Protein backbone atom coordinates (compact mmCIF):
# COMPACT_ATOMS: atom_id res chain seq x y z
CA UNK A 1 -81.43 15.95 10.61
CA UNK A 2 -79.13 15.74 7.56
CA UNK A 3 -80.35 13.58 4.71
CA UNK A 4 -77.87 10.68 4.18
CA UNK A 5 -75.82 10.71 0.99
CA UNK A 6 -76.81 8.37 -1.74
CA UNK A 7 -74.60 5.23 -1.97
CA UNK A 8 -71.44 5.06 -3.89
CA UNK A 9 -71.37 3.00 -7.06
CA UNK A 10 -68.51 0.61 -7.63
CA UNK A 11 -67.69 -0.93 -10.97
CA UNK A 12 -65.45 -3.97 -10.42
CA UNK A 13 -63.87 -3.67 -13.84
CA UNK A 14 -62.57 -6.61 -15.76
CA UNK A 15 -64.50 -9.71 -14.59
CA UNK A 16 -61.54 -12.00 -15.04
CA UNK A 17 -59.33 -9.92 -12.82
CA UNK A 18 -59.16 -9.14 -9.13
CA UNK A 19 -61.81 -6.42 -9.19
CA UNK A 20 -64.71 -8.68 -8.26
CA UNK A 21 -62.59 -10.29 -5.49
CA UNK A 22 -61.72 -6.98 -3.96
CA UNK A 23 -65.36 -5.87 -3.94
CA UNK A 24 -66.44 -9.07 -2.25
CA UNK A 25 -63.63 -8.84 0.37
CA UNK A 26 -64.49 -5.20 0.99
CA UNK A 27 -68.22 -5.93 1.39
CA UNK A 28 -67.44 -8.73 3.89
CA UNK A 29 -65.08 -6.59 5.92
CA UNK A 30 -66.03 -2.95 5.60
CA UNK A 31 -69.57 -2.49 4.04
CA UNK A 32 -71.09 -1.14 7.25
CA UNK A 33 -68.86 1.88 6.93
CA UNK A 34 -70.09 3.13 3.55
CA UNK A 35 -73.29 2.34 1.65
CA UNK A 36 -72.08 0.89 -1.70
CA UNK A 37 -73.75 -0.56 -4.80
CA UNK A 38 -71.84 -2.89 -7.09
CA UNK A 39 -72.73 -2.32 -10.72
CA UNK A 40 -72.11 -5.81 -12.10
CA UNK A 41 -73.59 -9.25 -12.71
CA UNK A 42 -74.94 -10.83 -9.50
CA UNK A 43 -73.94 -14.29 -10.83
CA UNK A 44 -70.28 -13.16 -11.11
CA UNK A 45 -70.21 -11.96 -7.51
CA UNK A 46 -72.01 -15.11 -6.22
CA UNK A 47 -69.68 -17.46 -8.09
CA UNK A 48 -66.47 -15.56 -7.12
CA UNK A 49 -67.51 -15.39 -3.46
CA UNK A 50 -68.02 -19.16 -3.41
CA UNK A 51 -64.53 -19.67 -4.97
CA UNK A 52 -63.08 -17.39 -2.33
CA UNK A 53 -64.94 -19.10 0.46
CA UNK A 54 -66.65 -15.88 1.55
CA UNK A 55 -70.26 -16.13 2.65
CA UNK A 56 -72.34 -13.14 1.33
CA UNK A 57 -75.96 -12.19 0.90
CA UNK A 58 -76.89 -10.42 -2.27
CA UNK A 59 -79.70 -7.88 -2.74
CA UNK A 60 -80.78 -6.48 -6.07
CA UNK A 61 -80.73 -2.67 -5.74
CA UNK A 62 -83.05 -0.42 -7.79
CA UNK A 63 -82.91 2.91 -6.01
CA UNK A 64 -82.83 4.15 -2.43
CA UNK A 65 -81.15 2.99 0.71
CA UNK A 66 -78.85 -0.09 0.68
CA UNK A 67 -79.97 -3.21 2.53
CA UNK A 68 -77.71 -3.62 5.66
CA UNK A 69 -75.64 -6.80 5.86
CA UNK A 70 -75.94 -7.47 2.14
CA UNK A 71 -74.05 -6.92 -1.11
CA UNK A 72 -76.25 -4.51 -3.04
CA UNK A 73 -76.03 -4.94 -6.81
CA UNK A 74 -77.37 -2.93 -9.72
CA UNK A 75 -77.53 -5.84 -12.28
CA UNK A 76 -75.67 -5.82 -15.54
CA UNK A 77 -75.42 -9.18 -17.29
CA UNK A 78 -72.20 -10.74 -18.46
CA UNK A 79 -71.99 -11.64 -22.13
CA UNK A 80 -70.04 -14.87 -21.33
CA UNK A 81 -69.23 -16.70 -18.11
CA UNK A 82 -66.19 -15.14 -16.43
CA UNK A 83 -63.31 -17.36 -15.39
CA UNK A 84 -60.59 -15.98 -13.10
CA UNK A 85 -57.46 -15.13 -14.92
CA UNK A 86 -58.83 -15.78 -18.41
CA UNK A 87 -59.76 -12.82 -20.51
CA UNK A 88 -62.86 -13.07 -22.78
CA UNK A 89 -63.23 -10.53 -25.58
CA UNK A 90 -67.03 -10.97 -25.38
CA UNK A 91 -67.21 -9.32 -21.96
CA UNK A 92 -65.66 -6.10 -23.10
CA UNK A 93 -69.02 -4.56 -23.87
CA UNK A 94 -70.19 -5.68 -20.37
CA UNK A 95 -67.34 -3.75 -18.80
CA UNK A 96 -68.28 -0.64 -20.68
CA UNK A 97 -72.00 -1.04 -19.86
CA UNK A 98 -71.27 -1.10 -16.15
CA UNK A 99 -69.44 2.24 -16.59
CA UNK A 100 -72.42 3.54 -18.58
CA UNK A 101 -74.87 2.57 -15.88
CA UNK A 102 -72.79 3.84 -12.95
CA UNK A 103 -72.16 7.30 -14.60
CA UNK A 104 -75.81 7.63 -15.51
CA UNK A 105 -76.66 7.00 -11.80
CA UNK A 106 -74.10 9.58 -10.69
CA UNK A 107 -75.37 12.22 -13.05
CA UNK A 108 -78.99 11.64 -11.97
CA UNK A 109 -78.15 11.74 -8.32
CA UNK A 110 -78.77 8.05 -7.58
CA UNK A 111 -75.15 7.72 -6.52
CA UNK A 112 -72.96 10.16 -4.66
CA UNK A 113 -69.85 9.05 -6.56
CA UNK A 114 -68.16 6.35 -8.59
CA UNK A 115 -65.23 4.12 -7.53
CA UNK A 116 -63.80 2.12 -10.49
CA UNK A 117 -61.94 -1.20 -10.32
CA UNK A 118 -59.20 -2.13 -12.82
CA UNK A 119 -59.95 -2.76 -16.51
CA UNK A 120 -57.92 -4.51 -19.19
CA UNK A 121 -57.56 -1.90 -21.92
CA UNK A 122 -56.04 -4.29 -24.45
CA UNK A 123 -59.03 -6.71 -24.49
CA UNK A 124 -61.52 -3.82 -24.83
CA UNK A 125 -59.62 -2.51 -27.87
CA UNK A 126 -59.44 -5.97 -29.33
CA UNK A 127 -63.18 -6.12 -29.12
CA UNK A 128 -63.37 -3.17 -31.46
CA UNK A 129 -63.99 -0.39 -28.97
CA UNK A 130 -61.73 2.68 -28.95
CA UNK A 131 -60.72 2.78 -25.28
CA UNK A 132 -57.59 4.59 -24.07
CA UNK A 133 -58.58 4.44 -20.40
CA UNK A 134 -61.16 5.13 -17.74
CA UNK A 135 -60.48 8.82 -17.61
CA UNK A 136 -61.08 9.52 -21.27
CA UNK A 137 -64.10 7.30 -21.41
CA UNK A 138 -65.74 8.91 -18.43
CA UNK A 139 -64.92 12.42 -19.82
CA UNK A 140 -66.78 11.47 -23.00
CA UNK A 141 -69.76 10.11 -21.03
CA UNK A 142 -69.92 13.29 -18.95
CA UNK A 143 -69.33 15.51 -22.09
CA UNK A 144 -66.38 17.12 -20.27
CA UNK A 145 -63.60 18.59 -22.49
CA UNK A 146 -60.75 18.73 -20.02
CA UNK A 147 -60.13 16.51 -17.05
CA UNK A 148 -57.09 16.19 -14.75
CA UNK A 149 -55.58 12.99 -13.38
CA UNK A 150 -54.50 13.21 -9.76
CA UNK A 151 -53.12 10.50 -7.49
CA UNK A 152 -53.28 10.88 -3.76
CA UNK A 153 -51.96 9.01 -0.67
CA UNK A 154 -51.65 10.03 2.96
CA UNK A 155 -50.11 13.51 3.00
CA UNK A 156 -49.47 13.90 -0.74
CA UNK A 157 -51.59 14.73 -3.76
CA UNK A 158 -49.94 14.85 -7.26
CA UNK A 159 -51.86 16.12 -10.30
CA UNK A 160 -50.62 15.88 -13.89
CA UNK A 161 -50.64 18.31 -16.78
CA UNK A 162 -49.99 15.49 -19.31
CA UNK A 163 -50.61 11.82 -18.72
CA UNK A 164 -49.85 8.90 -21.05
CA UNK A 165 -47.66 10.55 -23.68
CA UNK A 166 -44.25 9.56 -25.09
CA UNK A 167 -41.73 11.79 -23.36
CA UNK A 168 -40.63 13.35 -26.63
CA UNK A 169 -44.18 14.71 -27.12
CA UNK A 170 -44.63 16.25 -23.72
CA UNK A 171 -43.01 19.75 -24.31
CA UNK A 172 -45.23 20.54 -27.25
CA UNK A 173 -48.28 19.28 -25.44
CA UNK A 174 -47.84 21.75 -22.61
CA UNK A 175 -49.41 24.93 -23.91
CA UNK A 176 -50.32 28.04 -21.89
CA UNK A 177 -53.96 27.34 -22.49
CA UNK A 178 -53.83 23.72 -21.32
CA UNK A 179 -51.76 24.70 -18.31
CA UNK A 180 -54.24 27.43 -17.27
CA UNK A 181 -57.19 24.99 -17.69
CA UNK A 182 -55.45 22.34 -15.58
CA UNK A 183 -54.53 24.69 -12.82
CA UNK A 184 -58.09 26.12 -12.70
CA UNK A 185 -59.58 22.68 -12.48
CA UNK A 186 -57.25 21.62 -9.82
CA UNK A 187 -57.83 24.77 -7.78
CA UNK A 188 -61.62 24.51 -8.09
CA UNK A 189 -61.88 20.85 -7.20
CA UNK A 190 -59.60 21.26 -4.18
CA UNK A 191 -62.06 23.77 -3.00
CA UNK A 192 -65.30 22.14 -3.92
CA UNK A 193 -64.50 18.45 -3.52
CA UNK A 194 -61.92 18.58 -0.74
CA UNK A 195 -63.15 21.51 1.29
CA UNK A 196 -59.86 23.46 1.03
CA UNK A 197 -60.79 27.18 1.08
CA UNK A 198 -57.51 28.56 -0.19
CA UNK A 199 -55.47 25.77 -1.79
CA UNK A 200 -51.67 26.06 -2.20
CA UNK A 201 -50.55 24.38 -5.40
CA UNK A 202 -46.79 23.72 -5.86
CA UNK A 203 -45.87 23.57 -9.64
CA UNK A 204 -42.92 21.62 -11.01
CA UNK A 205 -40.80 22.99 -13.84
CA UNK A 206 -40.49 20.87 -16.98
CA UNK A 207 -36.69 20.92 -17.30
CA UNK A 208 -33.85 20.05 -14.87
CA UNK A 209 -33.45 22.85 -12.43
CA UNK A 210 -36.69 24.33 -13.76
CA UNK A 211 -34.78 25.49 -16.82
CA UNK A 212 -32.05 27.34 -14.84
CA UNK A 213 -33.08 30.75 -16.27
CA UNK A 214 -33.25 29.46 -19.84
CA UNK A 215 -29.87 27.64 -19.88
CA UNK A 216 -31.58 24.19 -19.65
CA UNK A 217 -34.68 24.97 -21.67
CA UNK A 218 -37.12 27.75 -22.34
CA UNK A 219 -40.43 26.13 -21.57
CA UNK A 220 -40.52 27.66 -18.06
CA UNK A 221 -39.90 31.18 -19.39
CA UNK A 222 -42.10 30.97 -22.49
CA UNK A 223 -45.02 28.80 -21.21
CA UNK A 224 -45.13 27.80 -17.57
CA UNK A 225 -44.42 31.10 -15.86
CA UNK A 226 -46.80 33.20 -18.01
CA UNK A 227 -49.62 30.70 -17.46
CA UNK A 228 -48.93 30.70 -13.66
CA UNK A 229 -48.90 34.45 -13.61
CA UNK A 230 -52.32 34.59 -15.32
CA UNK A 231 -53.71 32.12 -12.76
CA UNK A 232 -52.20 34.16 -9.91
CA UNK A 233 -53.96 37.22 -11.29
CA UNK A 234 -57.21 35.26 -10.85
CA UNK A 235 -56.47 34.69 -7.18
CA UNK A 236 -54.95 31.18 -7.34
CA UNK A 237 -52.11 30.60 -4.86
CA UNK A 238 -49.20 28.95 -6.75
CA UNK A 239 -45.63 28.20 -5.79
CA UNK A 240 -42.96 27.70 -8.44
CA UNK A 241 -42.05 26.48 -10.97
CA UNK A 242 -39.64 24.48 -8.76
CA UNK A 243 -37.10 21.90 -9.85
CA UNK A 244 -38.71 18.49 -9.48
CA UNK A 245 -35.71 16.98 -7.83
CA UNK A 246 -36.06 19.28 -4.81
CA UNK A 247 -39.80 19.98 -4.91
CA UNK A 248 -40.64 16.64 -3.15
CA UNK A 249 -38.99 17.63 0.17
CA UNK A 250 -40.65 18.50 3.44
CA UNK A 251 -39.77 22.18 3.09
CA UNK A 252 -41.92 22.60 0.04
CA UNK A 253 -44.58 20.00 0.84
CA UNK A 254 -45.27 21.19 4.42
CA UNK A 255 -47.93 23.69 3.33
CA UNK A 256 -48.80 22.32 -0.10
CA UNK A 257 -52.29 20.99 -0.75
CA UNK A 258 -51.25 19.52 -4.12
CA UNK A 259 -48.27 19.23 -6.41
CA UNK A 260 -48.71 19.79 -10.13
CA UNK A 261 -46.26 17.78 -12.22
CA UNK A 262 -45.74 18.33 -15.94
CA UNK A 263 -45.73 14.67 -16.99
CA UNK A 264 -46.56 11.23 -15.77
CA UNK A 265 -43.18 9.94 -14.67
CA UNK A 266 -42.11 13.23 -13.07
CA UNK A 267 -44.62 13.11 -10.20
CA UNK A 268 -45.84 9.56 -9.88
CA UNK A 269 -42.73 7.67 -8.91
CA UNK A 270 -42.55 9.76 -5.70
CA UNK A 271 -46.33 9.34 -5.04
CA UNK A 272 -46.15 5.56 -5.62
CA UNK A 273 -43.00 5.22 -3.48
CA UNK A 274 -44.84 6.96 -0.72
CA UNK A 275 -48.07 5.07 -0.91
CA UNK A 276 -48.29 2.26 -3.40
CA UNK A 277 -51.04 -0.17 -2.48
CA UNK A 278 -52.67 2.61 -0.48
CA UNK A 279 -53.04 5.29 -3.14
CA UNK A 280 -56.06 6.49 -5.07
CA UNK A 281 -56.48 7.75 -8.59
CA UNK A 282 -58.90 10.70 -8.79
CA UNK A 283 -60.30 12.29 -11.95
CA UNK A 284 -60.78 16.07 -11.49
CA UNK A 285 -62.98 18.22 -13.67
CA UNK A 286 -65.91 15.82 -14.12
CA UNK A 287 -69.40 16.79 -12.95
CA UNK A 288 -69.25 13.60 -10.78
CA UNK A 289 -66.91 12.23 -8.13
CA UNK A 290 -64.68 9.51 -9.46
CA UNK A 291 -61.89 7.61 -7.70
CA UNK A 292 -60.11 4.45 -8.66
CA UNK A 293 -57.64 1.88 -7.43
CA UNK A 294 -54.00 2.51 -8.33
CA UNK A 295 -53.29 -0.99 -9.67
CA UNK A 296 -54.18 -3.27 -12.63
CA UNK A 297 -56.28 -6.38 -13.05
CA UNK A 298 -53.62 -8.82 -11.64
CA UNK A 299 -55.12 -11.74 -13.58
CA UNK A 300 -52.75 -14.17 -11.88
CA UNK A 301 -54.23 -13.35 -8.45
CA UNK A 302 -57.91 -13.48 -9.51
CA UNK A 303 -59.84 -16.10 -7.49
CA UNK A 304 -56.90 -16.78 -5.12
CA UNK A 305 -57.92 -14.58 -2.23
CA UNK A 306 -54.39 -13.10 -2.13
CA UNK A 307 -55.28 -9.69 -3.54
CA UNK A 308 -55.03 -6.75 -1.11
CA UNK A 309 -58.03 -4.41 -0.68
CA UNK A 310 -55.77 -1.54 0.51
CA UNK A 311 -56.20 0.63 -2.64
CA UNK A 312 -59.88 -0.03 -2.93
CA UNK A 313 -60.42 0.91 0.72
CA UNK A 314 -58.47 4.12 0.12
CA UNK A 315 -60.51 4.84 -3.08
CA UNK A 316 -63.79 4.36 -1.29
CA UNK A 317 -62.70 6.42 1.73
CA UNK A 318 -61.62 9.21 -0.66
CA UNK A 319 -64.87 9.20 -2.58
CA UNK A 320 -66.94 9.23 0.65
CA UNK A 321 -64.95 12.19 1.95
CA UNK A 322 -65.23 14.12 -1.31
CA UNK A 323 -68.99 13.53 -1.38
CA UNK A 324 -69.25 15.00 2.07
CA UNK A 325 -67.91 18.38 0.78
CA UNK A 326 -69.26 18.47 -2.77
CA UNK A 327 -72.70 19.81 -3.79
CA UNK A 328 -73.02 19.28 -7.51
CA UNK A 329 -76.10 21.52 -7.56
CA UNK A 330 -74.57 24.25 -5.35
């Protein structure tokens, strides 16, 4: 008989936002499907559940199987009481500590993966912590030099070579070395964490019409094509570079396992049009599984019961599926 996977860890994120609400709603509606452990303050969950009018039972989790019919919590104590919709700079260190605890549990094998709720980057930086986002913070915790951001929804995965950069800085940031690293990470994780034996990756050009043989830019000729050829030599199946305005059509996507876009707003508008609210943010290249919701803290909805769990459900489902394929020690 197969040994069950360890539970997934969930960090609700900013305590004043909708993250705690979504976790409570999910636990009330779906927890029997996936063993999960919330890494947070039990008092926060208890108080928010009461505000939402949701009856829950809380169990303090230390290690091992989750108690059925309960919200299992690995306790991390808030620095200040959390009020829905009202940011408190004192709780920034709490948010980071939940991530520290969750990642530690993933690395030790206590958890099979991590699902992160939305954080408020501005308040964390105001508290004196250098925090550019989950992805970079988790990479530092895992001592991983290069990670890849990928968003996914039903029938479409889009990975990015560059992420949150001013558009003017993108061409210089795309180097042959970076492009090769990103393609190799994407290829490897599609195999190891998605169970795709021979992934097909469709690559977008940087310029309109993919440079049109150098008439609209030389990045394809000087950087992208040489990097792709080197990866093809290593056995990676790549298509392109293709013009981004025609890449996202059924003809090209029919056999594609993932699209690789050169910059944030080249690939993600299509992905979010296709699946906003039911998409998942996945960090590739980490020695752990990490998925996340595709939305922000929505402070105005916190405590109202009006927040949709769609993206959290998708993120948990994706992490569970990835855990079923991935053997970190294999």
